[in-house]
Amino acid sequence: MEPSKISGSMPLDLHHFRECDVPALVEEFVWLCVEEKRKSGAIIHGKGKGTLRAMVHECLQGNKSVSSYQLGGLGNHENWGQTTFYLQID
């Protein structure tokens, strides 16, 4: 069985990953979006207690490729189980 290839066109869903893996996953996903020349990406962290959301926001805040981020998706800012990020355009 071959591993499936991820794409920046799909959101990164963190529901089935360990917290310790989140920083590396977010960093790699942002890198993938940059490589695919995307303007934005989305990460699903769930609503829960906010632990994963805080980790995702910390990772995005420290990434020089990310210009900004917000809760929710494009056109749906009320979905607080997801964060959308926007990339620096060169």
Protein backbone atom coordinates (compact mmCIF):
# COMPACT_ATOMS: atom_id res chain seq x y z
CA MET A 1 0.00 0.00 0.00
CA GLU A 2 1.45 3.35 -1.06
CA PRO A 3 1.17 6.39 1.22
CA SER A 4 -1.20 9.03 -0.09
CA LYS A 5 0.31 12.27 -1.29
CA ILE A 6 -0.90 15.40 0.46
CA SER A 7 -1.72 18.58 -1.37
CA GLY A 8 -1.94 22.19 -0.26
CA SER A 9 -5.34 22.38 -1.96
CA MET A 10 -6.85 20.30 0.85
CA PRO A 11 -6.94 21.38 4.50
CA LEU A 12 -4.50 19.77 6.90
CA ASP A 13 -6.66 17.87 9.41
CA LEU A 14 -4.87 17.44 12.75
CA HIS A 15 -7.54 15.34 14.47
CA HIS A 16 -5.62 12.06 14.38
CA PHE A 17 -2.14 13.35 15.17
CA ARG A 18 -0.32 13.66 18.46
CA GLU A 19 0.25 17.16 19.85
CA CYS A 20 4.03 16.67 19.72
CA ASP A 21 3.77 16.21 15.92
CA VAL A 22 1.79 19.40 15.27
CA PRO A 23 4.68 21.89 14.86
CA ALA A 24 6.44 19.75 12.25
CA LEU A 25 3.18 19.03 10.41
CA VAL A 26 2.23 22.71 10.26
CA GLU A 27 5.71 23.72 9.10
CA GLU A 28 5.73 21.09 6.36
CA PHE A 29 2.19 21.97 5.26
CA VAL A 30 3.04 25.68 4.96
CA TRP A 31 6.17 24.74 2.99
CA LEU A 32 4.05 22.58 0.67
CA CYS A 33 1.62 25.44 0.07
CA VAL A 34 4.55 27.74 -0.77
CA GLU A 35 6.00 25.13 -3.15
CA GLU A 36 2.60 24.80 -4.86
CA LYS A 37 2.48 28.62 -5.14
CA ARG A 38 -0.78 28.85 -3.20
CA LYS A 39 -1.99 32.13 -1.72
CA SER A 40 -3.55 30.47 1.33
CA GLY A 41 -4.04 27.21 3.19
CA ALA A 42 -6.29 25.82 5.89
CA ILE A 43 -5.64 23.75 9.00
CA ILE A 44 -8.40 21.92 10.88
CA HIS A 45 -7.54 21.78 14.58
CA GLY A 46 -11.00 21.21 16.03
CA LYS A 47 -12.91 23.21 18.61
CA GLY A 48 -12.13 21.34 21.84
CA LYS A 49 -10.17 23.07 24.60
CA GLY A 50 -8.12 25.20 22.20
CA THR A 51 -4.77 23.48 22.77
CA LEU A 52 -4.22 22.54 19.12
CA ARG A 53 -5.55 25.91 17.96
CA ALA A 54 -3.00 27.70 20.14
CA MET A 55 -0.20 25.48 18.86
CA VAL A 56 -1.20 26.08 15.22
CA HIS A 57 -1.38 29.85 15.75
CA GLU A 58 2.03 29.86 17.44
CA CYS A 59 3.54 27.94 14.51
CA LEU A 60 1.94 30.24 11.94
CA GLN A 61 2.99 33.36 13.82
CA GLY A 62 6.60 32.20 13.79
CA ASN A 63 6.67 31.23 10.10
CA LYS A 64 8.18 33.90 7.85
CA SER A 65 6.19 32.66 4.83
CA VAL A 66 2.86 33.42 6.55
CA SER A 67 1.62 37.00 6.26
CA SER A 68 -1.54 36.52 8.37
CA TYR A 69 -4.04 33.99 9.66
CA GLN A 70 -7.60 33.94 10.97
CA LEU A 71 -10.11 31.58 12.50
CA GLY A 72 -12.54 30.09 10.04
CA GLY A 73 -12.39 29.56 6.34
CA LEU A 74 -12.66 31.70 3.29
CA GLY A 75 -16.20 33.06 3.36
CA ASN A 76 -16.95 31.36 6.70
CA HIS A 77 -15.25 33.21 9.54
CA GLU A 78 -17.48 31.58 12.14
CA ASN A 79 -15.85 28.13 11.91
CA TRP A 80 -13.55 28.31 14.93
CA GLY A 81 -12.43 24.69 14.44
CA GLN A 82 -10.28 25.75 11.48
CA THR A 83 -7.62 28.37 10.84
CA THR A 84 -6.93 29.84 7.41
CA PHE A 85 -3.51 31.32 6.72
CA TYR A 86 -2.29 33.60 3.96
CA LEU A 87 1.16 33.45 2.42
CA GLN A 88 3.60 36.23 1.54
CA ILE A 89 3.35 36.95 -2.17
CA ASP A 90 6.74 37.67 -3.74
